[in-house]
N, C-alpha and C. Protein backbone atom coordinates (compact mmCIF):
# COMPACT_ATOMS: atom_id res chain seq x y z
N MET A 1 73.44 82.01 63.53
CA MET A 1 72.26 82.78 63.80
C MET A 1 71.30 82.57 62.64
N LEU A 2 70.05 82.31 62.95
CA LEU A 2 69.04 82.08 61.93
C LEU A 2 68.22 83.35 61.73
N ILE A 3 68.11 83.75 60.49
CA ILE A 3 67.30 84.95 60.18
C ILE A 3 66.42 84.61 58.98
N ALA A 4 65.13 84.89 59.11
CA ALA A 4 64.21 84.66 57.99
C ALA A 4 64.28 85.85 57.06
N LYS A 5 64.38 85.55 55.77
CA LYS A 5 64.39 86.63 54.79
C LYS A 5 62.95 87.07 54.57
N PHE A 6 62.76 88.34 54.55
CA PHE A 6 61.39 88.82 54.36
C PHE A 6 61.39 90.06 53.48
N ASN A 7 60.23 90.38 53.02
CA ASN A 7 60.02 91.54 52.17
C ASN A 7 59.78 92.73 53.08
N PRO A 8 60.55 93.78 52.96
CA PRO A 8 60.37 94.91 53.86
C PRO A 8 59.01 95.58 53.72
N THR A 9 58.33 95.39 52.61
CA THR A 9 57.00 95.98 52.46
C THR A 9 55.95 95.16 53.19
N ASP A 10 56.32 93.95 53.54
CA ASP A 10 55.38 93.08 54.24
C ASP A 10 55.38 93.45 55.71
N ARG A 11 54.36 94.06 56.16
CA ARG A 11 54.22 94.44 57.55
C ARG A 11 53.22 93.50 58.19
N MET A 12 52.90 93.78 59.38
CA MET A 12 51.93 92.96 60.12
C MET A 12 50.71 92.66 59.26
N GLY A 13 50.30 91.44 59.26
CA GLY A 13 49.12 91.04 58.52
C GLY A 13 49.38 90.81 57.04
N GLY A 14 50.65 90.81 56.60
CA GLY A 14 50.97 90.62 55.19
C GLY A 14 50.82 89.16 54.80
N ASN A 15 51.25 88.82 53.59
CA ASN A 15 51.11 87.49 53.07
C ASN A 15 52.18 86.59 53.66
N HIS A 16 51.76 85.68 54.53
CA HIS A 16 52.72 84.80 55.19
C HIS A 16 53.14 83.66 54.29
N LYS A 17 52.36 83.38 53.26
CA LYS A 17 52.73 82.31 52.36
C LYS A 17 53.98 82.67 51.59
N GLU A 18 54.18 83.94 51.31
CA GLU A 18 55.41 84.36 50.64
C GLU A 18 56.61 84.09 51.54
N LEU A 19 56.40 84.33 52.82
CA LEU A 19 57.48 84.09 53.76
C LEU A 19 57.83 82.62 53.83
N GLN A 20 56.84 81.75 53.79
CA GLN A 20 57.09 80.33 53.87
C GLN A 20 57.89 79.85 52.66
N GLY A 21 57.71 80.48 51.58
CA GLY A 21 58.39 80.07 50.36
C GLY A 21 59.84 80.53 50.32
N GLN A 22 60.13 81.48 51.12
CA GLN A 22 61.51 81.97 51.10
C GLN A 22 62.37 81.07 51.98
N SER A 23 63.55 80.93 51.59
CA SER A 23 64.45 80.04 52.36
C SER A 23 65.01 80.77 53.58
N LEU A 24 65.31 79.95 54.55
CA LEU A 24 65.99 80.48 55.73
C LEU A 24 67.49 80.41 55.48
N GLY A 25 68.17 81.42 55.80
CA GLY A 25 69.61 81.42 55.57
C GLY A 25 70.39 81.55 56.87
N ILE A 26 71.52 80.98 56.91
CA ILE A 26 72.40 81.13 58.06
C ILE A 26 73.34 82.27 57.75
N VAL A 27 73.31 83.24 58.61
CA VAL A 27 74.13 84.42 58.39
C VAL A 27 75.15 84.48 59.52
N SER A 28 76.41 84.57 59.21
CA SER A 28 77.47 84.67 60.21
C SER A 28 78.07 86.06 60.15
N PRO A 29 78.25 86.68 61.31
CA PRO A 29 78.82 88.03 61.29
C PRO A 29 80.30 88.04 60.93
N MET A 30 80.93 86.85 60.86
CA MET A 30 82.36 86.80 60.60
C MET A 30 82.64 85.73 59.55
N SER A 31 83.63 85.98 58.72
CA SER A 31 84.00 84.99 57.70
C SER A 31 84.73 83.83 58.37
N PRO A 32 84.82 82.69 57.70
CA PRO A 32 85.55 81.54 58.28
C PRO A 32 87.01 81.87 58.58
N ALA A 33 87.64 82.67 57.74
CA ALA A 33 89.04 83.05 57.97
C ALA A 33 89.15 83.86 59.26
N GLY A 34 88.20 84.73 59.50
CA GLY A 34 88.20 85.54 60.73
C GLY A 34 88.01 84.68 61.96
N ARG A 35 87.13 83.67 61.85
CA ARG A 35 86.91 82.74 62.97
C ARG A 35 88.19 81.98 63.29
N TYR A 36 88.89 81.48 62.26
CA TYR A 36 90.13 80.73 62.49
C TYR A 36 91.20 81.61 63.11
N CYS A 37 91.22 82.86 62.72
CA CYS A 37 92.18 83.82 63.30
C CYS A 37 91.88 83.99 64.79
N CYS A 38 90.61 84.13 65.16
CA CYS A 38 90.23 84.26 66.58
C CYS A 38 90.62 83.02 67.37
N TYR A 39 90.38 81.83 66.78
CA TYR A 39 90.76 80.59 67.45
C TYR A 39 92.27 80.55 67.69
N ALA A 40 93.03 80.97 66.69
CA ALA A 40 94.49 80.96 66.81
C ALA A 40 94.94 81.91 67.93
N VAL A 41 94.33 83.09 68.03
CA VAL A 41 94.69 84.04 69.08
C VAL A 41 94.36 83.46 70.45
N ILE A 42 93.21 82.83 70.59
CA ILE A 42 92.82 82.22 71.86
C ILE A 42 93.80 81.13 72.26
N ILE A 43 94.20 80.30 71.31
CA ILE A 43 95.15 79.22 71.60
C ILE A 43 96.50 79.79 72.02
N VAL A 44 97.00 80.80 71.32
CA VAL A 44 98.29 81.41 71.65
C VAL A 44 98.25 82.04 73.03
N LEU A 45 97.18 82.78 73.35
CA LEU A 45 97.07 83.42 74.66
C LEU A 45 96.95 82.39 75.78
N THR A 46 96.23 81.31 75.55
CA THR A 46 96.13 80.25 76.54
C THR A 46 97.49 79.61 76.79
N ALA A 47 98.22 79.30 75.73
CA ALA A 47 99.55 78.71 75.86
C ALA A 47 100.49 79.65 76.60
N ALA A 48 100.43 80.95 76.29
CA ALA A 48 101.28 81.93 76.96
C ALA A 48 100.95 82.00 78.45
N GLY A 49 99.67 81.97 78.80
CA GLY A 49 99.25 81.98 80.21
C GLY A 49 99.76 80.77 80.96
N ILE A 50 99.68 79.60 80.34
CA ILE A 50 100.18 78.38 80.97
C ILE A 50 101.69 78.45 81.15
N ALA A 51 102.40 78.92 80.12
CA ALA A 51 103.86 79.04 80.21
C ALA A 51 104.27 80.00 81.32
N LEU A 52 103.61 81.15 81.42
CA LEU A 52 103.92 82.11 82.49
C LEU A 52 103.63 81.53 83.86
N SER A 53 102.57 80.77 83.98
CA SER A 53 102.24 80.14 85.25
C SER A 53 103.31 79.15 85.67
N VAL A 54 103.79 78.34 84.73
CA VAL A 54 104.83 77.36 85.02
C VAL A 54 106.13 78.07 85.40
N ILE A 55 106.51 79.09 84.65
CA ILE A 55 107.74 79.83 84.93
C ILE A 55 107.66 80.48 86.30
N SER A 56 106.53 81.08 86.61
CA SER A 56 106.33 81.74 87.90
C SER A 56 106.44 80.75 89.04
N SER A 57 105.83 79.59 88.90
CA SER A 57 105.88 78.60 89.98
C SER A 57 107.29 78.06 90.16
N LEU A 58 108.06 77.96 89.10
CA LEU A 58 109.44 77.48 89.23
C LEU A 58 110.32 78.52 89.89
N SER A 59 110.12 79.80 89.59
CA SER A 59 110.98 80.83 90.16
C SER A 59 110.65 81.12 91.61
N VAL A 60 109.42 80.89 92.03
CA VAL A 60 109.02 81.18 93.41
C VAL A 60 109.20 79.95 94.30
N ARG A 61 109.50 78.85 93.72
CA ARG A 61 109.61 77.59 94.44
C ARG A 61 110.55 77.72 95.62
N LYS A 62 110.05 77.40 96.81
CA LYS A 62 110.84 77.56 98.01
C LYS A 62 111.54 76.28 98.42
N GLU A 63 111.28 75.19 97.73
CA GLU A 63 111.89 73.93 98.13
C GLU A 63 113.41 73.99 98.02
N GLU A 64 113.90 74.55 96.90
CA GLU A 64 115.33 74.66 96.69
C GLU A 64 115.61 75.92 95.90
N LYS A 65 116.72 76.54 96.22
CA LYS A 65 117.18 77.67 95.42
C LYS A 65 118.45 77.17 94.72
N ALA A 66 118.47 77.24 93.42
CA ALA A 66 119.62 76.74 92.68
C ALA A 66 120.36 77.89 92.02
N ILE A 67 121.67 77.78 92.05
CA ILE A 67 122.52 78.77 91.42
C ILE A 67 123.48 78.01 90.52
N ALA A 68 123.61 78.47 89.30
CA ALA A 68 124.51 77.79 88.38
C ALA A 68 125.95 78.07 88.78
N ASN A 69 126.75 77.04 88.83
CA ASN A 69 128.17 77.16 89.13
C ASN A 69 128.90 76.40 88.03
N PRO A 70 129.57 77.10 87.13
CA PRO A 70 130.17 76.43 85.99
C PRO A 70 131.17 75.35 86.38
N GLU A 71 131.87 75.52 87.50
CA GLU A 71 132.88 74.54 87.89
C GLU A 71 132.24 73.29 88.51
N ALA A 72 131.14 73.44 89.23
CA ALA A 72 130.61 72.33 90.00
C ALA A 72 129.21 71.89 89.60
N GLY A 73 128.68 72.38 88.52
CA GLY A 73 127.33 72.01 88.14
C GLY A 73 126.33 72.92 88.82
N TYR A 74 125.32 72.35 89.45
CA TYR A 74 124.30 73.14 90.13
C TYR A 74 124.45 73.01 91.63
N VAL A 75 124.21 74.11 92.32
CA VAL A 75 124.33 74.18 93.76
C VAL A 75 122.96 74.47 94.33
N THR A 76 122.63 73.81 95.44
CA THR A 76 121.32 74.05 96.03
C THR A 76 121.44 74.36 97.52
N CYS A 77 120.51 75.18 97.99
CA CYS A 77 120.33 75.46 99.41
C CYS A 77 118.89 75.12 99.76
N PRO A 78 118.64 74.70 101.00
CA PRO A 78 117.25 74.46 101.40
C PRO A 78 116.41 75.72 101.26
N GLY A 79 115.10 75.58 101.24
CA GLY A 79 114.18 76.68 100.95
C GLY A 79 114.30 77.91 101.81
N ASP A 80 114.54 77.77 103.11
CA ASP A 80 114.60 78.93 103.99
C ASP A 80 116.02 79.49 104.12
N TRP A 81 116.94 79.01 103.34
CA TRP A 81 118.34 79.41 103.43
C TRP A 81 118.67 80.37 102.29
N ILE A 82 119.74 81.14 102.47
CA ILE A 82 120.18 82.08 101.44
C ILE A 82 121.59 81.71 101.02
N ALA A 83 121.80 81.61 99.71
CA ALA A 83 123.12 81.27 99.18
C ALA A 83 123.97 82.52 99.06
N PHE A 84 125.23 82.39 99.47
CA PHE A 84 126.21 83.46 99.27
C PHE A 84 127.59 82.83 99.26
N GLY A 85 128.41 83.23 98.29
CA GLY A 85 129.75 82.64 98.20
C GLY A 85 129.64 81.15 98.00
N SER A 86 130.31 80.39 98.87
CA SER A 86 130.28 78.93 98.76
C SER A 86 129.45 78.29 99.86
N LYS A 87 128.56 79.09 100.48
CA LYS A 87 127.80 78.58 101.63
C LYS A 87 126.31 78.89 101.50
N CYS A 88 125.56 78.18 102.33
CA CYS A 88 124.14 78.46 102.53
C CYS A 88 123.98 78.99 103.96
N PHE A 89 123.17 80.03 104.13
CA PHE A 89 123.00 80.67 105.43
C PHE A 89 121.54 80.63 105.86
N TYR A 90 121.34 80.38 107.14
CA TYR A 90 120.01 80.39 107.74
C TYR A 90 119.97 81.46 108.82
N PHE A 91 119.00 82.37 108.75
CA PHE A 91 118.83 83.45 109.72
C PHE A 91 117.59 83.12 110.55
N SER A 92 117.78 82.87 111.84
CA SER A 92 116.67 82.42 112.69
C SER A 92 115.64 83.53 112.90
N GLU A 93 114.43 83.10 113.17
CA GLU A 93 113.34 84.02 113.51
C GLU A 93 113.20 84.12 115.03
N HIS A 94 113.72 83.14 115.75
CA HIS A 94 113.55 83.05 117.20
C HIS A 94 114.84 83.42 117.91
N THR A 95 114.78 83.51 119.23
CA THR A 95 115.97 83.80 120.03
C THR A 95 116.27 82.63 120.95
N SER A 96 117.54 82.52 121.30
CA SER A 96 117.98 81.47 122.21
C SER A 96 119.37 81.85 122.72
N ASN A 97 119.90 81.06 123.66
CA ASN A 97 121.28 81.31 124.10
C ASN A 97 122.25 80.74 123.08
N TRP A 98 123.54 81.00 123.28
CA TRP A 98 124.55 80.59 122.29
C TRP A 98 124.58 79.07 122.12
N LYS A 99 124.61 78.34 123.22
CA LYS A 99 124.72 76.89 123.15
C LYS A 99 123.50 76.27 122.46
N SER A 100 122.30 76.71 122.82
CA SER A 100 121.09 76.19 122.17
C SER A 100 121.04 76.58 120.70
N SER A 101 121.55 77.76 120.38
CA SER A 101 121.61 78.19 118.97
C SER A 101 122.51 77.26 118.17
N GLN A 102 123.66 76.90 118.74
CA GLN A 102 124.57 75.97 118.07
C GLN A 102 123.90 74.61 117.89
N THR A 103 123.17 74.15 118.91
CA THR A 103 122.45 72.88 118.82
C THR A 103 121.40 72.94 117.70
N SER A 104 120.69 74.05 117.61
CA SER A 104 119.68 74.22 116.54
C SER A 104 120.34 74.15 115.17
N CYS A 105 121.49 74.77 115.02
CA CYS A 105 122.21 74.71 113.74
C CYS A 105 122.63 73.28 113.43
N MET A 106 123.14 72.57 114.43
CA MET A 106 123.59 71.20 114.21
C MET A 106 122.43 70.30 113.79
N GLU A 107 121.23 70.55 114.34
CA GLU A 107 120.06 69.78 113.93
C GLU A 107 119.70 70.02 112.47
N LEU A 108 120.15 71.15 111.92
CA LEU A 108 119.92 71.46 110.51
C LEU A 108 121.10 71.05 109.64
N GLY A 109 122.05 70.32 110.22
CA GLY A 109 123.24 69.89 109.48
C GLY A 109 124.22 71.02 109.24
N ALA A 110 124.25 72.00 110.15
CA ALA A 110 125.10 73.18 109.98
C ALA A 110 125.79 73.52 111.30
N GLN A 111 126.46 74.66 111.33
CA GLN A 111 127.11 75.20 112.52
C GLN A 111 126.71 76.66 112.65
N LEU A 112 126.87 77.23 113.86
CA LEU A 112 126.75 78.68 113.94
C LEU A 112 127.74 79.25 112.94
N THR A 113 127.36 80.28 112.24
CA THR A 113 128.12 80.74 111.09
C THR A 113 129.51 81.26 111.43
N GLN A 114 130.37 81.11 110.46
CA GLN A 114 131.65 81.78 110.49
C GLN A 114 131.80 82.51 109.16
N PHE A 115 132.63 83.53 109.14
CA PHE A 115 132.85 84.28 107.90
C PHE A 115 134.32 84.21 107.55
N ASP A 116 134.60 84.22 106.25
CA ASP A 116 135.97 84.08 105.77
C ASP A 116 136.51 85.37 105.16
N SER A 117 135.63 86.36 104.98
CA SER A 117 136.06 87.61 104.34
C SER A 117 135.17 88.76 104.81
N LEU A 118 135.62 89.97 104.56
CA LEU A 118 134.81 91.15 104.88
C LEU A 118 133.54 91.18 104.03
N GLU A 119 133.65 90.70 102.81
CA GLU A 119 132.47 90.64 101.93
C GLU A 119 131.39 89.74 102.54
N GLU A 120 131.80 88.60 103.05
CA GLU A 120 130.86 87.68 103.68
C GLU A 120 130.29 88.29 104.98
N LEU A 121 131.12 88.97 105.75
CA LEU A 121 130.67 89.64 106.97
C LEU A 121 129.65 90.73 106.64
N ASN A 122 129.89 91.49 105.59
CA ASN A 122 128.94 92.53 105.17
C ASN A 122 127.61 91.91 104.75
N PHE A 123 127.66 90.77 104.07
CA PHE A 123 126.44 90.05 103.71
C PHE A 123 125.67 89.66 104.97
N LEU A 124 126.35 89.12 105.98
CA LEU A 124 125.70 88.72 107.22
C LEU A 124 125.04 89.90 107.91
N HIS A 125 125.74 91.03 107.96
CA HIS A 125 125.17 92.24 108.57
C HIS A 125 123.93 92.70 107.82
N ARG A 126 123.98 92.63 106.51
CA ARG A 126 122.86 93.09 105.68
C ARG A 126 121.61 92.25 105.91
N TYR A 127 121.76 90.94 106.04
CA TYR A 127 120.62 90.05 106.13
C TYR A 127 120.15 89.74 107.54
N LYS A 128 120.94 90.05 108.55
CA LYS A 128 120.52 89.73 109.91
C LYS A 128 119.41 90.63 110.41
N GLY A 129 119.22 91.78 109.77
CA GLY A 129 118.18 92.70 110.20
C GLY A 129 118.64 93.55 111.36
N ASP A 130 117.69 94.06 112.12
CA ASP A 130 117.99 94.96 113.23
C ASP A 130 118.43 94.22 114.49
N SER A 131 118.15 92.95 114.58
CA SER A 131 118.46 92.19 115.80
C SER A 131 119.91 91.72 115.82
N ALA A 132 120.44 91.57 117.03
CA ALA A 132 121.75 90.95 117.19
C ALA A 132 121.61 89.46 116.93
N ALA A 133 122.67 88.81 116.43
CA ALA A 133 122.59 87.38 116.10
C ALA A 133 123.89 86.67 116.48
N TRP A 134 123.74 85.53 117.15
CA TRP A 134 124.90 84.72 117.52
C TRP A 134 125.63 84.23 116.27
N ILE A 135 126.96 84.19 116.35
CA ILE A 135 127.80 83.58 115.31
C ILE A 135 128.67 82.53 115.99
N GLY A 136 129.47 81.82 115.23
CA GLY A 136 130.19 80.66 115.75
C GLY A 136 131.50 80.93 116.46
N LEU A 137 131.74 82.11 116.97
CA LEU A 137 132.97 82.40 117.70
C LEU A 137 132.76 82.24 119.20
N HIS A 138 133.75 81.60 119.85
CA HIS A 138 133.71 81.42 121.31
C HIS A 138 135.15 81.31 121.81
N ARG A 139 135.32 81.44 123.12
CA ARG A 139 136.63 81.27 123.74
C ARG A 139 136.44 80.79 125.18
N GLU A 140 137.51 80.23 125.75
CA GLU A 140 137.44 79.71 127.11
C GLU A 140 137.43 80.83 128.14
N SER A 141 138.19 81.88 127.89
CA SER A 141 138.23 83.03 128.79
C SER A 141 138.73 84.23 128.00
N SER A 142 138.75 85.40 128.64
CA SER A 142 139.23 86.60 127.95
C SER A 142 140.73 86.54 127.66
N HIS A 143 141.43 85.55 128.23
CA HIS A 143 142.88 85.39 128.00
C HIS A 143 143.17 84.36 126.91
N HIS A 144 142.14 83.74 126.37
CA HIS A 144 142.30 82.73 125.33
C HIS A 144 141.88 83.30 123.98
N PRO A 145 142.40 82.71 122.89
CA PRO A 145 142.03 83.20 121.55
C PRO A 145 140.60 82.80 121.20
N TRP A 146 140.03 83.58 120.30
CA TRP A 146 138.70 83.26 119.77
C TRP A 146 138.84 82.10 118.81
N LYS A 147 137.87 81.17 118.87
CA LYS A 147 137.85 80.02 117.96
C LYS A 147 136.47 79.88 117.37
N TRP A 148 136.44 79.31 116.15
CA TRP A 148 135.17 78.98 115.51
C TRP A 148 134.66 77.67 116.09
N THR A 149 133.45 77.30 115.77
CA THR A 149 132.86 76.07 116.30
C THR A 149 133.62 74.82 115.83
N ASP A 150 134.37 74.91 114.73
CA ASP A 150 135.18 73.77 114.28
C ASP A 150 136.58 73.79 114.92
N ASN A 151 136.78 74.67 115.93
CA ASN A 151 138.02 74.82 116.70
C ASN A 151 139.18 75.44 115.93
N THR A 152 138.95 76.00 114.74
CA THR A 152 140.01 76.75 114.08
C THR A 152 140.05 78.15 114.70
N GLU A 153 141.25 78.70 114.80
CA GLU A 153 141.41 80.02 115.42
C GLU A 153 140.90 81.13 114.51
N TYR A 154 140.29 82.11 115.12
CA TYR A 154 139.80 83.30 114.41
C TYR A 154 141.01 84.14 114.01
N ASN A 155 141.00 84.67 112.78
CA ASN A 155 142.13 85.43 112.26
C ASN A 155 142.09 86.91 112.62
N ASN A 156 141.18 87.30 113.50
CA ASN A 156 141.05 88.70 113.95
C ASN A 156 140.84 89.68 112.80
N LEU A 157 140.12 89.25 111.78
CA LEU A 157 139.79 90.10 110.64
C LEU A 157 139.10 91.38 111.11
N VAL A 158 138.23 91.24 112.09
CA VAL A 158 137.51 92.37 112.69
C VAL A 158 137.62 92.20 114.20
N PRO A 159 137.95 93.27 114.94
CA PRO A 159 138.05 93.12 116.39
C PRO A 159 136.69 92.80 117.02
N ILE A 160 136.75 92.10 118.15
CA ILE A 160 135.53 91.73 118.88
C ILE A 160 135.49 92.52 120.18
N ARG A 161 134.38 93.24 120.39
CA ARG A 161 134.22 94.05 121.61
C ARG A 161 133.80 93.18 122.79
N GLY A 162 134.24 93.56 123.97
CA GLY A 162 133.79 92.91 125.20
C GLY A 162 134.73 91.84 125.69
N LYS A 163 134.46 91.38 126.91
CA LYS A 163 135.35 90.40 127.56
C LYS A 163 134.66 89.05 127.80
N GLU A 164 133.47 88.87 127.23
CA GLU A 164 132.73 87.63 127.46
C GLU A 164 133.22 86.52 126.54
N LYS A 165 132.56 85.35 126.58
CA LYS A 165 133.06 84.15 125.91
C LYS A 165 132.38 83.79 124.59
N HIS A 166 131.29 84.47 124.23
CA HIS A 166 130.55 84.09 123.02
C HIS A 166 130.28 85.33 122.18
N ALA A 167 130.45 85.21 120.86
CA ALA A 167 130.37 86.37 119.97
C ALA A 167 129.04 86.43 119.23
N TYR A 168 128.64 87.66 118.92
CA TYR A 168 127.43 87.90 118.14
C TYR A 168 127.63 89.12 117.26
N LEU A 169 126.84 89.17 116.19
CA LEU A 169 126.86 90.34 115.30
C LEU A 169 125.89 91.37 115.84
N SER A 170 126.36 92.59 115.93
CA SER A 170 125.49 93.69 116.34
C SER A 170 125.55 94.75 115.25
N ASP A 171 124.79 95.82 115.42
CA ASP A 171 124.83 96.91 114.44
C ASP A 171 126.18 97.61 114.43
N ARG A 172 126.96 97.46 115.50
CA ARG A 172 128.26 98.13 115.60
C ARG A 172 129.42 97.21 115.23
N GLY A 173 129.16 95.99 114.85
CA GLY A 173 130.24 95.07 114.50
C GLY A 173 130.05 93.74 115.19
N ILE A 174 131.13 93.25 115.82
CA ILE A 174 131.07 91.99 116.55
C ILE A 174 131.31 92.30 118.02
N SER A 175 130.44 91.77 118.86
CA SER A 175 130.55 91.97 120.30
C SER A 175 130.49 90.61 120.99
N SER A 176 130.76 90.61 122.29
CA SER A 176 130.69 89.36 123.05
C SER A 176 129.66 89.48 124.16
N ALA A 177 129.11 88.34 124.55
CA ALA A 177 128.10 88.29 125.61
C ALA A 177 128.20 86.95 126.32
N ARG A 178 127.51 86.86 127.43
CA ARG A 178 127.45 85.60 128.16
C ARG A 178 126.53 84.62 127.43
N ASN A 179 126.78 83.35 127.62
CA ASN A 179 126.05 82.30 126.93
C ASN A 179 124.54 82.40 127.14
N TYR A 180 124.09 82.75 128.31
CA TYR A 180 122.66 82.71 128.62
C TYR A 180 121.85 83.84 127.99
N THR A 181 122.50 84.83 127.41
CA THR A 181 121.79 85.92 126.75
C THR A 181 121.05 85.38 125.54
N HIS A 182 119.80 85.78 125.36
CA HIS A 182 118.99 85.30 124.23
C HIS A 182 119.11 86.25 123.04
N LYS A 183 119.49 85.69 121.90
CA LYS A 183 119.62 86.43 120.65
C LYS A 183 119.18 85.52 119.51
N LYS A 184 118.93 86.11 118.37
CA LYS A 184 118.72 85.30 117.16
C LYS A 184 120.06 84.67 116.82
N TRP A 185 120.09 83.79 115.82
CA TRP A 185 121.34 83.17 115.43
C TRP A 185 121.39 82.98 113.93
N ILE A 186 122.62 82.75 113.43
CA ILE A 186 122.84 82.51 112.00
C ILE A 186 123.60 81.20 111.85
N CYS A 187 123.06 80.29 111.06
CA CYS A 187 123.72 79.01 110.75
C CYS A 187 124.32 79.09 109.34
N SER A 188 125.33 78.29 109.11
CA SER A 188 125.86 78.18 107.74
C SER A 188 126.36 76.75 107.51
N LYS A 189 126.34 76.37 106.24
CA LYS A 189 126.89 75.09 105.82
C LYS A 189 127.29 75.22 104.36
N PRO A 190 128.19 74.35 103.92
CA PRO A 190 128.59 74.41 102.50
C PRO A 190 127.42 74.03 101.60
N TYR A 191 127.50 74.50 100.35
CA TYR A 191 126.51 74.10 99.35
C TYR A 191 126.45 72.59 99.23
N SER A 192 125.28 72.08 98.84
CA SER A 192 125.20 70.67 98.43
C SER A 192 125.14 70.67 96.91
N TYR A 193 125.92 69.81 96.30
CA TYR A 193 126.02 69.79 94.85
C TYR A 193 125.16 68.69 94.27
N ILE A 194 124.51 68.98 93.13
CA ILE A 194 123.77 67.95 92.42
C ILE A 194 124.25 67.87 90.99
């Protein structure tokens, strides 16, 4: 900022030649040390903003969800899938019959879900929402055992209501329905390791 030094007694119409003889001085409202301190604060705040932006974008990234597994390195699930236990789960937004639901899962490299424990079943109930959802249990008739889509027999961990051939999760547990009934579905597949 440039300020001309002047004599306070010199008012309008005073001697301007005195003013010309006086030097112009540069006056700064802040010392150089104060300026450097401000620059340092600006640089630190900018770096912190960039770091938070990078961290935020990495944590929200939907391409892959990674979970550290000390035994196997890193485990990943696709962006719309949820990791639980040793599997990745996909909860559909749409409805379809049991057979088409299984086909949709196979197109994603998965199967209609199966559960191996009550803990996993509780997880499925929690995330399926209010809608009923097809799972991978089926049978040939009410006189045949329930089997998973990989043809292993169901261990009857939880009883299945009804006399139909295809199983789904409901708010009351596991029930059965005819294939043509439209419901949401749940797919599962093992983790992929990197």
